[in-house]
N, C-alpha and C. Protein backbone atom coordinates (compact mmCIF):
# COMPACT_ATOMS: atom_id res chain seq x y z
N UNK A 1 0.83 -1.19 -0.02
CA UNK A 1 -0.06 0.07 -0.02
C UNK A 1 0.92 1.23 -0.03
N UNK A 2 0.24 2.34 -0.27
CA UNK A 2 1.08 3.65 -0.33
C UNK A 2 1.32 4.27 1.03
N UNK A 3 1.43 3.60 2.12
CA UNK A 3 1.69 4.16 3.42
C UNK A 3 0.49 4.64 4.21
N UNK A 4 -0.66 4.85 3.56
CA UNK A 4 -1.80 5.26 4.17
C UNK A 4 -2.70 4.12 4.55
N UNK A 5 -3.39 4.29 5.71
CA UNK A 5 -4.21 3.23 6.08
C UNK A 5 -5.72 3.47 5.68
N UNK A 6 -6.41 2.51 5.36
CA UNK A 6 -7.90 2.64 4.89
C UNK A 6 -8.71 3.03 6.11
N UNK A 7 -9.79 3.75 5.96
CA UNK A 7 -10.66 4.10 7.06
C UNK A 7 -11.53 2.78 7.31
N UNK A 8 -12.02 2.61 8.57
CA UNK A 8 -12.95 1.53 8.96
C UNK A 8 -14.30 2.15 8.98
N UNK A 9 -15.20 1.58 8.27
CA UNK A 9 -16.77 1.95 8.32
C UNK A 9 -17.42 0.87 8.95
N UNK A 10 -18.29 1.21 9.87
CA UNK A 10 -19.12 0.27 10.65
C UNK A 10 -20.40 0.14 10.18
N UNK A 11 -20.99 -1.07 9.96
CA UNK A 11 -22.42 -1.32 9.40
C UNK A 11 -23.29 -1.83 10.46
N UNK A 12 -24.49 -1.19 10.46
CA UNK A 12 -25.42 -1.65 11.49
C UNK A 12 -24.92 -1.46 12.99
N UNK A 13 -25.07 -2.52 13.80
CA UNK A 13 -24.82 -2.48 15.19
C UNK A 13 -23.44 -2.93 15.38
N UNK A 14 -22.70 -3.22 14.38
CA UNK A 14 -21.27 -3.94 14.54
C UNK A 14 -20.34 -3.24 15.60
N UNK A 15 -20.32 -1.91 15.57
CA UNK A 15 -19.47 -1.19 16.48
C UNK A 15 -19.94 -1.37 17.95
N UNK A 16 -21.16 -1.09 18.16
CA UNK A 16 -21.81 -1.21 19.43
C UNK A 16 -21.61 -2.62 19.90
N UNK A 17 -21.91 -3.59 19.08
CA UNK A 17 -21.71 -5.18 19.55
C UNK A 17 -20.37 -5.35 19.98
N UNK A 18 -19.44 -4.89 19.24
CA UNK A 18 -17.98 -5.09 19.51
C UNK A 18 -17.66 -4.61 20.88
N UNK A 19 -18.15 -3.34 21.24
CA UNK A 19 -17.96 -2.71 22.52
C UNK A 19 -18.38 -3.51 23.73
N UNK A 20 -19.21 -4.49 23.51
CA UNK A 20 -19.76 -5.27 24.65
C UNK A 20 -18.72 -6.52 24.84
N UNK A 21 -17.90 -6.82 23.99
CA UNK A 21 -16.93 -7.89 24.09
C UNK A 21 -15.98 -7.74 25.23
N UNK A 22 -15.35 -8.71 25.74
CA UNK A 22 -14.24 -8.55 26.84
C UNK A 22 -13.15 -7.75 26.20
N UNK A 23 -12.50 -6.87 27.13
CA UNK A 23 -11.32 -6.06 26.60
C UNK A 23 -10.37 -6.77 25.83
N UNK A 24 -9.93 -7.93 26.19
CA UNK A 24 -8.87 -8.63 25.42
C UNK A 24 -9.31 -9.04 24.05
N UNK A 25 -10.61 -9.35 23.91
CA UNK A 25 -11.17 -9.61 22.65
C UNK A 25 -11.30 -8.45 21.66
N UNK A 26 -11.69 -7.30 22.36
CA UNK A 26 -11.68 -5.98 21.58
C UNK A 26 -10.43 -5.72 21.02
N UNK A 27 -9.41 -5.91 21.87
CA UNK A 27 -8.02 -5.49 21.59
C UNK A 27 -7.46 -6.38 20.32
N UNK A 28 -7.72 -7.63 20.44
CA UNK A 28 -7.42 -8.59 19.43
C UNK A 28 -8.08 -8.23 18.06
N UNK A 29 -9.38 -8.03 18.04
CA UNK A 29 -10.05 -7.69 16.88
C UNK A 29 -9.60 -6.27 16.40
N UNK A 30 -9.32 -5.37 17.28
CA UNK A 30 -8.72 -4.02 16.78
C UNK A 30 -7.44 -4.20 16.12
N UNK A 31 -6.55 -5.16 16.61
CA UNK A 31 -5.28 -5.30 15.97
C UNK A 31 -5.43 -5.92 14.55
N UNK A 32 -6.41 -6.94 14.45
CA UNK A 32 -6.69 -7.52 13.15
C UNK A 32 -7.23 -6.54 12.12
N UNK A 33 -8.09 -5.56 12.61
CA UNK A 33 -8.69 -4.60 11.79
C UNK A 33 -7.65 -3.65 11.30
N UNK A 34 -6.65 -3.32 12.19
CA UNK A 34 -5.47 -2.41 11.89
C UNK A 34 -4.75 -2.97 10.80
N UNK A 35 -4.49 -4.22 10.89
CA UNK A 35 -3.64 -5.11 9.89
C UNK A 35 -4.41 -4.86 8.52
N UNK A 36 -5.73 -5.12 8.55
CA UNK A 36 -6.60 -5.05 7.33
C UNK A 36 -6.45 -3.58 6.79
N UNK A 37 -6.53 -2.60 7.58
CA UNK A 37 -6.45 -1.18 7.22
C UNK A 37 -5.08 -0.92 6.39
N UNK A 38 -4.08 -1.60 6.90
CA UNK A 38 -2.73 -1.50 6.27
C UNK A 38 -2.42 -2.42 5.06
N UNK A 39 -3.53 -3.16 4.71
CA UNK A 39 -3.38 -4.06 3.63
C UNK A 39 -2.84 -5.36 3.93
N UNK A 40 -2.81 -5.71 5.21
CA UNK A 40 -2.23 -7.11 5.71
C UNK A 40 -3.39 -7.91 6.19
N UNK A 41 -2.95 -9.22 6.35
CA UNK A 41 -3.98 -10.11 7.06
C UNK A 41 -3.50 -10.64 8.29
N UNK A 42 -4.28 -10.44 9.40
CA UNK A 42 -3.80 -10.89 10.69
C UNK A 42 -3.95 -12.51 10.68
N UNK A 43 -3.07 -13.13 11.57
CA UNK A 43 -3.08 -14.64 11.61
C UNK A 43 -4.42 -15.25 11.83
N UNK A 44 -5.30 -14.61 12.72
CA UNK A 44 -6.63 -15.11 13.13
C UNK A 44 -7.67 -14.87 12.15
N UNK A 45 -7.41 -14.50 10.98
CA UNK A 45 -8.24 -14.21 9.95
C UNK A 45 -8.47 -15.35 8.86
N UNK A 46 -9.80 -15.55 8.57
CA UNK A 46 -9.97 -16.58 7.46
C UNK A 46 -11.13 -16.12 6.71
N UNK A 47 -11.19 -16.57 5.47
CA UNK A 47 -12.32 -16.31 4.57
C UNK A 47 -13.66 -16.89 5.15
N UNK A 48 -14.77 -16.07 4.99
CA UNK A 48 -16.05 -16.55 5.39
C UNK A 48 -16.65 -17.31 4.24
N UNK A 49 -16.97 -18.64 4.47
CA UNK A 49 -17.43 -19.47 3.44
C UNK A 49 -18.83 -18.89 3.02
N UNK A 50 -19.07 -19.03 1.64
CA UNK A 50 -20.33 -18.58 1.14
C UNK A 50 -20.35 -17.23 0.53
N UNK A 51 -19.22 -16.64 0.56
CA UNK A 51 -19.17 -15.21 -0.02
C UNK A 51 -18.12 -15.02 -1.20
N UNK A 52 -17.69 -16.20 -1.65
CA UNK A 52 -16.96 -16.31 -2.86
C UNK A 52 -15.52 -15.64 -2.73
N UNK A 53 -14.58 -16.41 -2.42
CA UNK A 53 -13.23 -15.91 -2.24
C UNK A 53 -12.90 -15.39 -1.05
N UNK A 54 -11.99 -14.31 -1.02
CA UNK A 54 -11.42 -13.79 0.26
C UNK A 54 -11.71 -12.26 0.21
N UNK A 55 -12.94 -11.92 -0.04
CA UNK A 55 -13.30 -10.49 0.01
C UNK A 55 -14.05 -10.26 1.37
N UNK A 56 -14.77 -11.31 1.90
CA UNK A 56 -15.36 -11.32 3.14
C UNK A 56 -14.66 -12.08 4.04
N UNK A 57 -14.15 -11.57 5.19
CA UNK A 57 -13.14 -12.18 6.08
C UNK A 57 -13.78 -12.25 7.49
N UNK A 58 -13.28 -13.17 8.27
CA UNK A 58 -13.78 -13.33 9.64
C UNK A 58 -12.54 -13.38 10.56
N UNK A 59 -12.68 -12.59 11.61
CA UNK A 59 -11.63 -12.65 12.78
C UNK A 59 -12.22 -13.54 13.84
N UNK A 60 -11.44 -14.49 14.18
CA UNK A 60 -11.94 -15.59 15.19
C UNK A 60 -11.13 -15.43 16.41
N UNK A 61 -11.73 -15.12 17.58
CA UNK A 61 -10.99 -14.93 18.78
C UNK A 61 -11.72 -15.86 19.85
N UNK A 62 -11.01 -17.02 20.23
CA UNK A 62 -11.54 -17.79 21.37
C UNK A 62 -11.33 -17.18 22.58
N UNK A 63 -12.30 -17.10 23.59
CA UNK A 63 -12.11 -16.48 24.81
C UNK A 63 -13.19 -17.17 25.84
N UNK A 64 -12.73 -17.62 27.00
CA UNK A 64 -13.57 -18.18 27.84
C UNK A 64 -14.24 -19.46 27.35
N UNK A 65 -15.55 -19.40 27.48
CA UNK A 65 -16.37 -20.69 26.89
C UNK A 65 -16.90 -20.36 25.49
N UNK A 66 -16.57 -19.36 25.03
CA UNK A 66 -17.15 -19.02 23.56
C UNK A 66 -15.97 -18.48 22.59
N UNK A 67 -16.56 -18.38 21.49
CA UNK A 67 -15.68 -17.71 20.41
C UNK A 67 -16.34 -16.44 19.90
N UNK A 68 -15.54 -15.38 19.76
CA UNK A 68 -16.10 -14.11 19.38
C UNK A 68 -15.64 -13.98 17.97
N UNK A 69 -16.42 -13.32 17.16
CA UNK A 69 -16.16 -13.22 15.81
C UNK A 69 -16.50 -11.77 15.22
N UNK A 70 -15.63 -11.28 14.42
CA UNK A 70 -15.88 -10.09 13.63
C UNK A 70 -15.74 -10.31 12.19
N UNK A 71 -16.74 -9.80 11.39
CA UNK A 71 -16.70 -10.02 9.92
C UNK A 71 -16.53 -8.71 9.31
N UNK A 72 -15.69 -8.64 8.36
CA UNK A 72 -15.50 -7.50 7.60
C UNK A 72 -15.16 -7.82 6.14
N UNK A 73 -15.33 -6.68 5.29
CA UNK A 73 -14.97 -6.96 3.92
C UNK A 73 -13.87 -6.01 3.42
N UNK A 74 -13.02 -6.60 2.53
CA UNK A 74 -12.02 -5.75 1.83
C UNK A 74 -12.26 -5.64 0.38
N UNK A 75 -13.54 -5.76 0.06
CA UNK A 75 -14.05 -5.72 -1.34
C UNK A 75 -13.85 -4.38 -1.97
N UNK A 76 -13.79 -3.28 -1.25
CA UNK A 76 -13.58 -2.03 -1.73
C UNK A 76 -12.22 -1.41 -1.47
N UNK A 77 -11.70 -0.79 -2.49
CA UNK A 77 -10.27 -0.41 -2.46
C UNK A 77 -9.91 0.73 -1.42
N UNK A 78 -11.00 1.50 -1.05
CA UNK A 78 -10.73 2.72 -0.37
C UNK A 78 -11.22 2.60 1.15
N UNK A 79 -11.81 1.52 1.58
CA UNK A 79 -12.29 1.44 3.02
C UNK A 79 -12.44 -0.15 3.42
N UNK A 80 -12.42 -0.34 4.72
CA UNK A 80 -12.77 -1.71 5.36
C UNK A 80 -14.11 -1.44 5.96
N UNK A 81 -15.03 -2.37 5.66
CA UNK A 81 -16.40 -2.24 6.20
C UNK A 81 -16.54 -3.48 7.18
N UNK A 82 -16.73 -3.17 8.51
CA UNK A 82 -17.14 -4.13 9.40
C UNK A 82 -18.50 -4.37 9.43
N UNK A 83 -18.95 -5.62 9.04
CA UNK A 83 -20.31 -6.06 8.81
C UNK A 83 -21.04 -6.57 10.07
N UNK A 84 -20.27 -7.30 10.89
CA UNK A 84 -20.96 -7.97 12.00
C UNK A 84 -19.85 -8.29 13.18
N UNK A 85 -20.29 -8.26 14.38
CA UNK A 85 -19.68 -8.72 15.51
C UNK A 85 -20.49 -9.45 16.43
N UNK A 86 -20.13 -10.79 16.73
CA UNK A 86 -20.94 -11.69 17.54
C UNK A 86 -20.17 -12.70 18.33
N UNK A 87 -20.80 -13.30 19.34
CA UNK A 87 -20.20 -14.27 20.07
C UNK A 87 -20.92 -15.59 19.68
N UNK A 88 -20.07 -16.56 19.30
CA UNK A 88 -20.62 -17.88 18.80
C UNK A 88 -20.40 -18.82 20.14
N UNK A 89 -21.46 -19.20 20.67
CA UNK A 89 -21.44 -19.95 21.98
C UNK A 89 -21.49 -21.52 21.64
N UNK A 90 -21.94 -21.92 20.63
CA UNK A 90 -22.13 -23.35 20.29
C UNK A 90 -20.87 -24.01 20.32
N UNK A 91 -20.87 -25.24 20.91
CA UNK A 91 -19.56 -26.11 20.98
C UNK A 91 -19.73 -27.18 19.90
N UNK A 92 -20.90 -27.29 19.44
CA UNK A 92 -21.09 -28.32 18.39
C UNK A 92 -21.07 -27.75 17.01
N UNK A 93 -20.10 -28.03 16.22
CA UNK A 93 -19.90 -27.53 14.90
C UNK A 93 -19.25 -26.21 14.72
N UNK A 94 -18.47 -25.87 13.82
CA UNK A 94 -17.75 -24.70 13.59
C UNK A 94 -18.42 -23.61 12.73
N UNK A 95 -19.47 -24.14 11.97
CA UNK A 95 -20.09 -23.31 10.92
C UNK A 95 -20.77 -22.08 11.70
N UNK A 96 -20.75 -20.99 10.97
CA UNK A 96 -21.49 -19.89 11.37
C UNK A 96 -22.92 -20.06 11.25
N UNK A 97 -23.73 -19.72 12.18
CA UNK A 97 -25.20 -19.98 12.11
C UNK A 97 -25.86 -19.21 10.98
N UNK A 98 -26.85 -19.87 10.35
CA UNK A 98 -27.58 -19.29 9.18
C UNK A 98 -28.13 -17.89 9.40
N UNK A 99 -28.56 -17.58 10.64
CA UNK A 99 -29.16 -16.30 10.86
C UNK A 99 -28.07 -15.23 10.85
N UNK A 100 -26.90 -15.65 11.29
CA UNK A 100 -25.71 -14.66 11.18
C UNK A 100 -25.25 -14.38 9.78
N UNK A 101 -25.23 -15.44 8.97
CA UNK A 101 -24.92 -15.41 7.69
C UNK A 101 -25.86 -14.54 6.96
N UNK A 102 -27.15 -14.59 7.22
CA UNK A 102 -28.20 -13.80 6.51
C UNK A 102 -27.91 -12.36 6.95
N UNK A 103 -27.66 -12.02 8.13
CA UNK A 103 -27.34 -10.60 8.67
C UNK A 103 -26.14 -10.03 7.87
N UNK A 104 -25.14 -10.93 7.76
CA UNK A 104 -23.91 -10.48 7.11
C UNK A 104 -24.11 -10.10 5.61
N UNK A 105 -24.95 -10.96 5.03
CA UNK A 105 -25.33 -10.75 3.41
C UNK A 105 -26.04 -9.44 3.36
N UNK A 106 -26.91 -9.15 4.37
CA UNK A 106 -27.77 -7.94 4.37
C UNK A 106 -26.94 -6.74 4.55
N UNK A 107 -25.89 -6.82 5.47
CA UNK A 107 -25.09 -5.67 5.82
C UNK A 107 -23.99 -5.55 4.69
N UNK A 108 -23.64 -6.66 3.96
CA UNK A 108 -22.72 -6.40 2.82
C UNK A 108 -23.41 -5.64 1.69
N UNK A 109 -24.70 -5.90 1.52
CA UNK A 109 -25.47 -5.11 0.50
C UNK A 109 -25.45 -3.65 0.95
N UNK A 110 -25.75 -3.49 2.18
CA UNK A 110 -25.79 -2.04 2.75
C UNK A 110 -24.47 -1.34 2.53
N UNK A 111 -23.26 -2.08 2.73
CA UNK A 111 -21.96 -1.52 2.57
C UNK A 111 -21.65 -1.22 1.05
N UNK A 112 -22.25 -2.08 0.24
CA UNK A 112 -22.11 -1.87 -1.31
C UNK A 112 -22.85 -0.57 -1.59
N UNK A 113 -23.99 -0.38 -1.06
CA UNK A 113 -24.76 0.84 -1.26
C UNK A 113 -24.10 2.16 -0.83
N UNK A 114 -23.46 2.03 0.42
CA UNK A 114 -22.80 3.13 0.98
C UNK A 114 -21.55 3.47 0.08
N UNK A 115 -20.85 2.46 -0.32
CA UNK A 115 -19.65 2.64 -1.14
C UNK A 115 -20.03 3.37 -2.47
N UNK A 116 -21.04 2.87 -3.06
CA UNK A 116 -21.52 3.44 -4.43
C UNK A 116 -21.88 4.92 -4.14
N UNK A 117 -22.50 5.21 -2.98
CA UNK A 117 -23.06 6.58 -2.81
C UNK A 117 -21.81 7.49 -2.51
N UNK A 118 -20.83 6.98 -1.91
CA UNK A 118 -19.59 7.81 -1.65
C UNK A 118 -18.72 8.07 -2.93
N UNK A 119 -18.99 7.23 -3.88
CA UNK A 119 -18.23 7.35 -5.33
C UNK A 119 -18.90 8.53 -6.10
N UNK A 120 -20.13 8.90 -5.73
CA UNK A 120 -20.80 9.96 -6.47
C UNK A 120 -20.54 11.30 -5.94
């Protein structure tokens, strides 16, 4: 990248939801988002299945009895959009629950609209 970091844009309640996470989890997710802003990928980041390729990514942070996740997109050249932040409590299966996937898809569409509006 050219030495500048991309801004982070929060979609829906993602920022408010992240603020409810334990401090250590917030710090970890913040570091991963900063890496994304700088054009890098943090070690705990993986592609979220069902969104085609590596444009929608998930930060996975185990903590206590659950796993915290933040989902963001790098689909747009000029910004990082955080789409969702949630705690996955289930110990059976690693797949992201369908209702969370639906919310992420809805917020990705909102991010696309926001990005388009900012281009005009």
